[in-house]
Amino acid sequence: KVTLPDGLQSIGQNAFICTAIRELIVPENVEIVGTLEIPNHYYDPYTSNDIRIADDDCEIISYYSSAAHYYAVNNNVKFSPLDDLIYGDSNNDGVINSLDLVFLKQHLLGISMTGYESDVNKDGVINILDFISLKRNILN
C-alpha cells in the first residue's frame, strides 16, 4: 500500500508498474501525465498506447472526478472513493428510500443527473448495477 503525499503534482507513465503495490492512494489534485485526446482518457502520443501508472491488480483509491478516478474507470482498474458521501442517497435528502430509486432511474435514462452518491457499489461508475444494489438495500 502506497499513499502519495498531498503536495505531489503529477504521476508519470509506468510509475508503479511491476511492483507489489496493491493499493495506491492518490490525492485529489494529482494529475496523470499524458496527452488528452479524448476527455479524461490518457495515452502516450508516441505509441498511442494507454498510459499505465500501475499494474491492473492495483486498486486506485482517490476522489470522484479526479484524474485518478478517470484513470481507474478508463483502464478498468478497481477504484475506491475517498469522498464522504451517503451512497444511495441519489436525491441528497439525507434519507435512502424509494425516491432515490426514481432519481437513479431518471439518471440512467438520461432524463436528469445525479451525483456520485448514486454509485452504490462504489466502483467509480453509475450504472444498472447501482440501481439493483439500491433496490436490494431498500427492500431489505
N, C-alpha and C. Protein backbone atom coordinates (compact mmCIF):
# COMPACT_ATOMS: atom_id res chain seq x y z
N LYS A 1 0.86 -1.18 0.00
CA LYS A 1 0.00 0.00 0.00
C LYS A 1 0.90 1.23 0.00
N VAL A 2 0.58 2.17 -0.92
CA VAL A 2 1.36 3.40 -1.01
C VAL A 2 0.39 4.58 -0.96
N THR A 3 0.69 5.54 -0.11
CA THR A 3 -0.07 6.78 -0.03
C THR A 3 0.80 7.90 -0.57
N LEU A 4 0.37 8.50 -1.66
CA LEU A 4 1.13 9.60 -2.26
C LEU A 4 0.92 10.87 -1.44
N PRO A 5 1.95 11.71 -1.32
CA PRO A 5 1.84 12.93 -0.50
C PRO A 5 0.93 13.98 -1.14
N ASP A 6 0.32 14.80 -0.30
CA ASP A 6 -0.61 15.83 -0.77
C ASP A 6 0.03 16.83 -1.72
N GLY A 7 1.30 17.14 -1.57
CA GLY A 7 1.96 18.13 -2.41
C GLY A 7 2.34 17.62 -3.79
N LEU A 8 2.19 16.34 -4.04
CA LEU A 8 2.56 15.77 -5.34
C LEU A 8 1.69 16.36 -6.44
N GLN A 9 2.31 16.71 -7.57
CA GLN A 9 1.56 17.35 -8.64
C GLN A 9 1.17 16.40 -9.76
N SER A 10 2.02 15.39 -10.04
CA SER A 10 1.70 14.50 -11.17
C SER A 10 2.33 13.12 -10.98
N ILE A 11 1.78 12.17 -11.73
CA ILE A 11 2.30 10.81 -11.80
C ILE A 11 2.62 10.54 -13.26
N GLY A 12 3.78 9.97 -13.52
CA GLY A 12 4.17 9.65 -14.89
C GLY A 12 3.88 8.21 -15.26
N GLN A 13 3.99 7.94 -16.54
CA GLN A 13 3.75 6.59 -17.06
C GLN A 13 4.69 5.59 -16.40
N ASN A 14 4.16 4.42 -16.08
CA ASN A 14 4.89 3.29 -15.50
C ASN A 14 5.43 3.57 -14.10
N ALA A 15 4.91 4.56 -13.42
CA ALA A 15 5.43 4.93 -12.10
C ALA A 15 5.39 3.77 -11.11
N PHE A 16 4.35 2.94 -11.18
CA PHE A 16 4.22 1.84 -10.23
C PHE A 16 3.98 0.50 -10.94
N ILE A 17 4.45 0.39 -12.18
CA ILE A 17 4.33 -0.86 -12.93
C ILE A 17 5.36 -1.87 -12.41
N CYS A 18 4.99 -3.14 -12.40
CA CYS A 18 5.86 -4.24 -11.97
C CYS A 18 6.31 -4.07 -10.52
N THR A 19 5.39 -3.68 -9.68
CA THR A 19 5.67 -3.57 -8.25
C THR A 19 4.68 -4.46 -7.51
N ALA A 20 4.87 -4.61 -6.24
CA ALA A 20 3.96 -5.41 -5.41
C ALA A 20 2.85 -4.55 -4.81
N ILE A 21 2.71 -3.32 -5.27
CA ILE A 21 1.71 -2.41 -4.72
C ILE A 21 0.32 -2.87 -5.13
N ARG A 22 -0.56 -3.01 -4.15
CA ARG A 22 -1.93 -3.44 -4.41
C ARG A 22 -2.94 -2.34 -4.12
N GLU A 23 -2.52 -1.30 -3.39
CA GLU A 23 -3.38 -0.14 -3.13
C GLU A 23 -2.56 1.12 -3.32
N LEU A 24 -3.09 2.04 -4.14
CA LEU A 24 -2.42 3.30 -4.40
C LEU A 24 -3.39 4.43 -4.03
N ILE A 25 -3.08 5.15 -2.96
CA ILE A 25 -3.92 6.25 -2.51
C ILE A 25 -3.39 7.54 -3.12
N VAL A 26 -4.25 8.16 -3.94
CA VAL A 26 -3.84 9.32 -4.74
C VAL A 26 -4.60 10.56 -4.28
N PRO A 27 -3.90 11.64 -3.89
CA PRO A 27 -4.58 12.88 -3.52
C PRO A 27 -5.43 13.42 -4.66
N GLU A 28 -6.38 14.26 -4.30
CA GLU A 28 -7.38 14.73 -5.25
C GLU A 28 -6.81 15.49 -6.45
N ASN A 29 -5.79 16.32 -6.26
CA ASN A 29 -5.31 17.20 -7.33
C ASN A 29 -4.12 16.67 -8.10
N VAL A 30 -3.74 15.43 -7.91
CA VAL A 30 -2.62 14.85 -8.65
C VAL A 30 -3.05 14.59 -10.09
N GLU A 31 -2.26 15.06 -11.03
CA GLU A 31 -2.55 14.83 -12.45
C GLU A 31 -1.77 13.62 -12.95
N ILE A 32 -2.30 13.00 -13.99
CA ILE A 32 -1.61 11.89 -14.65
C ILE A 32 -1.02 12.44 -15.93
N VAL A 33 0.29 12.34 -16.06
CA VAL A 33 0.98 12.92 -17.20
C VAL A 33 0.64 12.13 -18.46
N GLY A 34 0.22 12.83 -19.48
CA GLY A 34 -0.14 12.22 -20.75
C GLY A 34 -0.92 13.23 -21.56
N THR A 35 -1.16 12.92 -22.79
CA THR A 35 -1.90 13.81 -23.66
C THR A 35 -3.37 13.43 -23.62
N LEU A 36 -4.24 14.42 -23.51
CA LEU A 36 -5.67 14.16 -23.51
C LEU A 36 -6.20 14.29 -24.93
N GLU A 37 -6.49 13.19 -25.55
CA GLU A 37 -7.09 13.20 -26.88
C GLU A 37 -8.61 13.18 -26.73
N ILE A 38 -9.09 12.28 -25.91
CA ILE A 38 -10.50 12.17 -25.57
C ILE A 38 -10.58 12.68 -24.14
N PRO A 39 -11.62 13.41 -23.77
CA PRO A 39 -11.69 13.91 -22.39
C PRO A 39 -11.48 12.80 -21.36
N ASN A 40 -10.54 13.05 -20.46
CA ASN A 40 -10.22 12.13 -19.37
C ASN A 40 -9.71 10.77 -19.83
N HIS A 41 -9.12 10.70 -20.99
CA HIS A 41 -8.51 9.47 -21.48
C HIS A 41 -7.05 9.79 -21.79
N TYR A 42 -6.16 9.11 -21.11
CA TYR A 42 -4.74 9.41 -21.21
C TYR A 42 -4.05 8.40 -22.12
N TYR A 43 -3.25 8.89 -23.05
CA TYR A 43 -2.50 7.97 -23.91
C TYR A 43 -1.14 8.58 -24.23
N ASP A 44 -0.24 7.71 -24.59
CA ASP A 44 1.11 8.11 -24.95
C ASP A 44 1.10 8.55 -26.42
N PRO A 45 1.42 9.81 -26.72
CA PRO A 45 1.33 10.29 -28.11
C PRO A 45 2.32 9.62 -29.05
N TYR A 46 3.37 9.00 -28.51
CA TYR A 46 4.38 8.35 -29.37
C TYR A 46 3.97 6.95 -29.76
N THR A 47 3.24 6.26 -28.90
CA THR A 47 2.87 4.86 -29.19
C THR A 47 1.37 4.67 -29.36
N SER A 48 0.57 5.66 -28.98
CA SER A 48 -0.89 5.58 -28.96
C SER A 48 -1.41 4.55 -27.96
N ASN A 49 -0.54 4.07 -27.08
CA ASN A 49 -0.96 3.15 -26.04
C ASN A 49 -1.52 3.93 -24.86
N ASP A 50 -2.41 3.29 -24.11
CA ASP A 50 -2.92 3.92 -22.90
C ASP A 50 -1.78 4.11 -21.91
N ILE A 51 -1.82 5.22 -21.21
CA ILE A 51 -0.85 5.47 -20.13
C ILE A 51 -1.20 4.53 -18.98
N ARG A 52 -0.22 3.83 -18.48
CA ARG A 52 -0.41 2.92 -17.35
C ARG A 52 0.48 3.41 -16.22
N ILE A 53 -0.11 3.64 -15.04
CA ILE A 53 0.69 4.08 -13.91
C ILE A 53 0.92 2.96 -12.90
N ALA A 54 0.07 1.91 -12.95
CA ALA A 54 0.20 0.81 -12.00
C ALA A 54 -0.30 -0.47 -12.68
N ASP A 55 0.02 -1.60 -12.07
CA ASP A 55 -0.44 -2.88 -12.59
C ASP A 55 -1.96 -2.97 -12.47
N ASP A 56 -2.58 -3.81 -13.29
CA ASP A 56 -4.03 -3.92 -13.33
C ASP A 56 -4.66 -4.36 -12.01
N ASP A 57 -3.92 -5.08 -11.19
CA ASP A 57 -4.48 -5.56 -9.92
C ASP A 57 -4.26 -4.58 -8.77
N CYS A 58 -3.77 -3.39 -9.08
CA CYS A 58 -3.57 -2.35 -8.07
C CYS A 58 -4.85 -1.51 -7.97
N GLU A 59 -5.42 -1.45 -6.80
CA GLU A 59 -6.62 -0.65 -6.57
C GLU A 59 -6.25 0.82 -6.43
N ILE A 60 -6.97 1.68 -7.13
CA ILE A 60 -6.76 3.12 -7.05
C ILE A 60 -7.76 3.68 -6.04
N ILE A 61 -7.25 4.38 -5.05
CA ILE A 61 -8.10 4.97 -4.02
C ILE A 61 -7.92 6.48 -4.09
N SER A 62 -9.01 7.18 -4.42
CA SER A 62 -8.93 8.63 -4.60
C SER A 62 -10.33 9.23 -4.53
N TYR A 63 -10.49 10.40 -5.11
CA TYR A 63 -11.75 11.12 -5.08
C TYR A 63 -12.45 11.06 -6.43
N TYR A 64 -13.79 11.09 -6.40
CA TYR A 64 -14.56 11.14 -7.64
C TYR A 64 -14.18 12.39 -8.44
N SER A 65 -14.23 12.27 -9.74
CA SER A 65 -13.94 13.34 -10.70
C SER A 65 -12.49 13.81 -10.66
N SER A 66 -11.61 13.04 -10.04
CA SER A 66 -10.18 13.36 -10.06
C SER A 66 -9.55 12.63 -11.25
N ALA A 67 -8.33 12.99 -11.57
CA ALA A 67 -7.61 12.30 -12.65
C ALA A 67 -7.46 10.81 -12.32
N ALA A 68 -7.23 10.50 -11.05
CA ALA A 68 -7.07 9.10 -10.64
C ALA A 68 -8.37 8.32 -10.85
N HIS A 69 -9.50 8.95 -10.59
CA HIS A 69 -10.80 8.32 -10.81
C HIS A 69 -11.00 8.02 -12.30
N TYR A 70 -10.76 9.02 -13.15
CA TYR A 70 -10.92 8.81 -14.59
C TYR A 70 -9.94 7.75 -15.10
N TYR A 71 -8.74 7.76 -14.58
CA TYR A 71 -7.75 6.75 -14.96
C TYR A 71 -8.28 5.36 -14.63
N ALA A 72 -8.77 5.17 -13.42
CA ALA A 72 -9.25 3.85 -12.98
C ALA A 72 -10.42 3.38 -13.84
N VAL A 73 -11.39 4.26 -14.07
CA VAL A 73 -12.57 3.89 -14.85
C VAL A 73 -12.18 3.57 -16.29
N ASN A 74 -11.36 4.41 -16.92
CA ASN A 74 -10.98 4.21 -18.32
C ASN A 74 -10.10 2.99 -18.53
N ASN A 75 -9.38 2.58 -17.49
CA ASN A 75 -8.49 1.43 -17.63
C ASN A 75 -9.03 0.19 -16.94
N ASN A 76 -10.30 0.23 -16.52
CA ASN A 76 -10.96 -0.90 -15.89
C ASN A 76 -10.18 -1.41 -14.67
N VAL A 77 -9.70 -0.46 -13.87
CA VAL A 77 -8.95 -0.76 -12.65
C VAL A 77 -9.87 -0.51 -11.48
N LYS A 78 -9.79 -1.35 -10.46
CA LYS A 78 -10.65 -1.18 -9.29
C LYS A 78 -10.43 0.19 -8.66
N PHE A 79 -11.53 0.86 -8.37
CA PHE A 79 -11.50 2.20 -7.79
C PHE A 79 -12.29 2.20 -6.49
N SER A 80 -11.75 2.82 -5.46
CA SER A 80 -12.47 3.03 -4.21
C SER A 80 -12.43 4.52 -3.89
N PRO A 81 -13.61 5.08 -3.57
CA PRO A 81 -13.69 6.53 -3.32
C PRO A 81 -13.27 6.91 -1.91
N LEU A 82 -12.72 8.10 -1.80
CA LEU A 82 -12.40 8.70 -0.51
C LEU A 82 -13.44 9.76 -0.13
N ASP A 83 -14.36 10.05 -1.05
CA ASP A 83 -15.36 11.07 -0.82
C ASP A 83 -16.25 10.69 0.37
N ASP A 84 -16.71 11.68 1.08
CA ASP A 84 -17.58 11.48 2.23
C ASP A 84 -19.03 11.67 1.79
N LEU A 85 -19.61 10.62 1.19
CA LEU A 85 -20.96 10.69 0.64
C LEU A 85 -21.85 9.67 1.32
N ILE A 86 -23.16 9.88 1.25
CA ILE A 86 -24.12 8.88 1.69
C ILE A 86 -24.51 8.11 0.42
N TYR A 87 -23.89 6.95 0.22
CA TYR A 87 -24.10 6.19 -1.01
C TYR A 87 -25.51 5.62 -1.07
N GLY A 88 -26.20 5.94 -2.14
CA GLY A 88 -27.57 5.52 -2.33
C GLY A 88 -28.55 6.67 -2.20
N ASP A 89 -28.11 7.78 -1.63
CA ASP A 89 -28.97 8.95 -1.46
C ASP A 89 -28.92 9.81 -2.73
N SER A 90 -29.57 9.31 -3.77
CA SER A 90 -29.49 9.93 -5.10
C SER A 90 -30.05 11.34 -5.15
N ASN A 91 -31.03 11.64 -4.29
CA ASN A 91 -31.63 12.98 -4.32
C ASN A 91 -31.10 13.89 -3.21
N ASN A 92 -30.10 13.41 -2.47
CA ASN A 92 -29.43 14.22 -1.43
C ASN A 92 -30.38 14.79 -0.38
N ASP A 93 -31.35 14.01 0.05
CA ASP A 93 -32.24 14.48 1.10
C ASP A 93 -31.88 13.91 2.48
N GLY A 94 -30.79 13.13 2.55
CA GLY A 94 -30.34 12.58 3.81
C GLY A 94 -30.98 11.26 4.20
N VAL A 95 -31.89 10.76 3.36
CA VAL A 95 -32.59 9.50 3.63
C VAL A 95 -32.51 8.63 2.38
N ILE A 96 -32.30 7.34 2.59
CA ILE A 96 -32.30 6.40 1.45
C ILE A 96 -33.64 5.70 1.43
N ASN A 97 -34.39 5.94 0.34
CA ASN A 97 -35.71 5.34 0.20
C ASN A 97 -36.06 5.17 -1.28
N SER A 98 -37.32 4.82 -1.57
CA SER A 98 -37.72 4.55 -2.95
C SER A 98 -37.61 5.78 -3.85
N LEU A 99 -37.66 6.96 -3.29
CA LEU A 99 -37.50 8.18 -4.09
C LEU A 99 -36.10 8.23 -4.72
N ASP A 100 -35.12 7.69 -4.01
CA ASP A 100 -33.76 7.63 -4.56
C ASP A 100 -33.70 6.72 -5.78
N LEU A 101 -34.50 5.65 -5.77
CA LEU A 101 -34.59 4.77 -6.95
C LEU A 101 -35.12 5.52 -8.15
N VAL A 102 -36.11 6.38 -7.93
CA VAL A 102 -36.69 7.17 -9.02
C VAL A 102 -35.62 8.10 -9.59
N PHE A 103 -34.88 8.79 -8.73
CA PHE A 103 -33.83 9.69 -9.19
C PHE A 103 -32.75 8.94 -9.96
N LEU A 104 -32.35 7.77 -9.44
CA LEU A 104 -31.31 6.99 -10.11
C LEU A 104 -31.80 6.48 -11.46
N LYS A 105 -33.05 6.03 -11.51
CA LYS A 105 -33.61 5.56 -12.79
C LYS A 105 -33.64 6.69 -13.81
N GLN A 106 -34.04 7.89 -13.39
CA GLN A 106 -34.05 9.03 -14.31
C GLN A 106 -32.64 9.35 -14.81
N HIS A 107 -31.66 9.22 -13.94
CA HIS A 107 -30.27 9.44 -14.34
C HIS A 107 -29.85 8.41 -15.40
N LEU A 108 -30.18 7.15 -15.16
CA LEU A 108 -29.79 6.09 -16.09
C LEU A 108 -30.49 6.24 -17.44
N LEU A 109 -31.69 6.81 -17.43
CA LEU A 109 -32.43 7.03 -18.68
C LEU A 109 -32.04 8.34 -19.36
N GLY A 110 -31.17 9.12 -18.72
CA GLY A 110 -30.72 10.38 -19.30
C GLY A 110 -31.70 11.52 -19.12
N ILE A 111 -32.69 11.35 -18.26
CA ILE A 111 -33.70 12.38 -18.03
C ILE A 111 -33.16 13.47 -17.11
N SER A 112 -32.41 13.07 -16.10
CA SER A 112 -31.84 14.02 -15.15
C SER A 112 -30.46 13.52 -14.74
N MET A 113 -29.78 14.32 -13.95
CA MET A 113 -28.44 13.94 -13.50
C MET A 113 -28.42 13.81 -11.98
N THR A 114 -27.62 12.89 -11.50
CA THR A 114 -27.40 12.73 -10.07
C THR A 114 -25.90 12.68 -9.85
N GLY A 115 -25.49 12.85 -8.62
CA GLY A 115 -24.06 12.84 -8.31
C GLY A 115 -23.57 11.44 -7.99
N TYR A 116 -22.33 11.37 -7.54
CA TYR A 116 -21.72 10.08 -7.25
C TYR A 116 -22.29 9.43 -6.00
N GLU A 117 -23.26 10.09 -5.33
CA GLU A 117 -23.96 9.44 -4.24
C GLU A 117 -24.68 8.20 -4.75
N SER A 118 -24.98 8.18 -6.05
CA SER A 118 -25.69 7.06 -6.66
C SER A 118 -24.79 5.88 -6.98
N ASP A 119 -23.51 6.02 -6.77
CA ASP A 119 -22.57 4.92 -7.01
C ASP A 119 -22.60 3.97 -5.80
N VAL A 120 -23.69 3.24 -5.68
CA VAL A 120 -23.96 2.41 -4.50
C VAL A 120 -22.88 1.36 -4.28
N ASN A 121 -22.40 0.74 -5.36
CA ASN A 121 -21.37 -0.31 -5.19
C ASN A 121 -19.95 0.25 -5.21
N LYS A 122 -19.83 1.58 -5.28
CA LYS A 122 -18.56 2.30 -5.17
C LYS A 122 -17.47 1.78 -6.12
N ASP A 123 -17.86 1.55 -7.38
CA ASP A 123 -16.88 1.12 -8.36
C ASP A 123 -16.42 2.24 -9.27
N GLY A 124 -16.92 3.45 -9.04
CA GLY A 124 -16.49 4.60 -9.83
C GLY A 124 -17.38 4.90 -11.01
N VAL A 125 -18.40 4.06 -11.26
CA VAL A 125 -19.29 4.23 -12.40
C VAL A 125 -20.73 4.10 -11.90
N ILE A 126 -21.60 4.96 -12.39
CA ILE A 126 -23.02 4.85 -12.05
C ILE A 126 -23.70 4.11 -13.19
N ASN A 127 -24.26 2.93 -12.88
CA ASN A 127 -24.89 2.11 -13.91
C ASN A 127 -26.00 1.26 -13.30
N ILE A 128 -26.52 0.32 -14.08
CA ILE A 128 -27.64 -0.52 -13.66
C ILE A 128 -27.29 -1.35 -12.43
N LEU A 129 -26.03 -1.68 -12.23
CA LEU A 129 -25.63 -2.44 -11.05
C LEU A 129 -25.89 -1.64 -9.77
N ASP A 130 -25.73 -0.33 -9.84
CA ASP A 130 -26.05 0.51 -8.70
C ASP A 130 -27.55 0.52 -8.43
N PHE A 131 -28.34 0.53 -9.50
CA PHE A 131 -29.79 0.51 -9.36
C PHE A 131 -30.23 -0.77 -8.67
N ILE A 132 -29.67 -1.90 -9.11
CA ILE A 132 -30.01 -3.19 -8.50
C ILE A 132 -29.60 -3.22 -7.04
N SER A 133 -28.40 -2.75 -6.74
CA SER A 133 -27.92 -2.73 -5.35
C SER A 133 -28.80 -1.84 -4.47
N LEU A 134 -29.17 -0.68 -4.97
CA LEU A 134 -30.01 0.23 -4.21
C LEU A 134 -31.38 -0.37 -3.96
N LYS A 135 -31.94 -1.01 -4.97
CA LYS A 135 -33.25 -1.64 -4.84
C LYS A 135 -33.20 -2.74 -3.79
N ARG A 136 -32.16 -3.56 -3.84
CA ARG A 136 -32.00 -4.62 -2.82
C ARG A 136 -31.87 -4.05 -1.42
N ASN A 137 -31.09 -2.99 -1.28
CA ASN A 137 -30.90 -2.36 0.04
C ASN A 137 -32.21 -1.83 0.59
N ILE A 138 -33.01 -1.22 -0.26
CA ILE A 138 -34.29 -0.66 0.18
C ILE A 138 -35.27 -1.77 0.55
N LEU A 139 -35.31 -2.84 -0.26
CA LEU A 139 -36.23 -3.94 0.02
C LEU A 139 -35.85 -4.71 1.28
N ASN A 140 -34.56 -4.74 1.60
CA ASN A 140 -34.12 -5.46 2.80
C ASN A 140 -34.33 -4.58 4.02
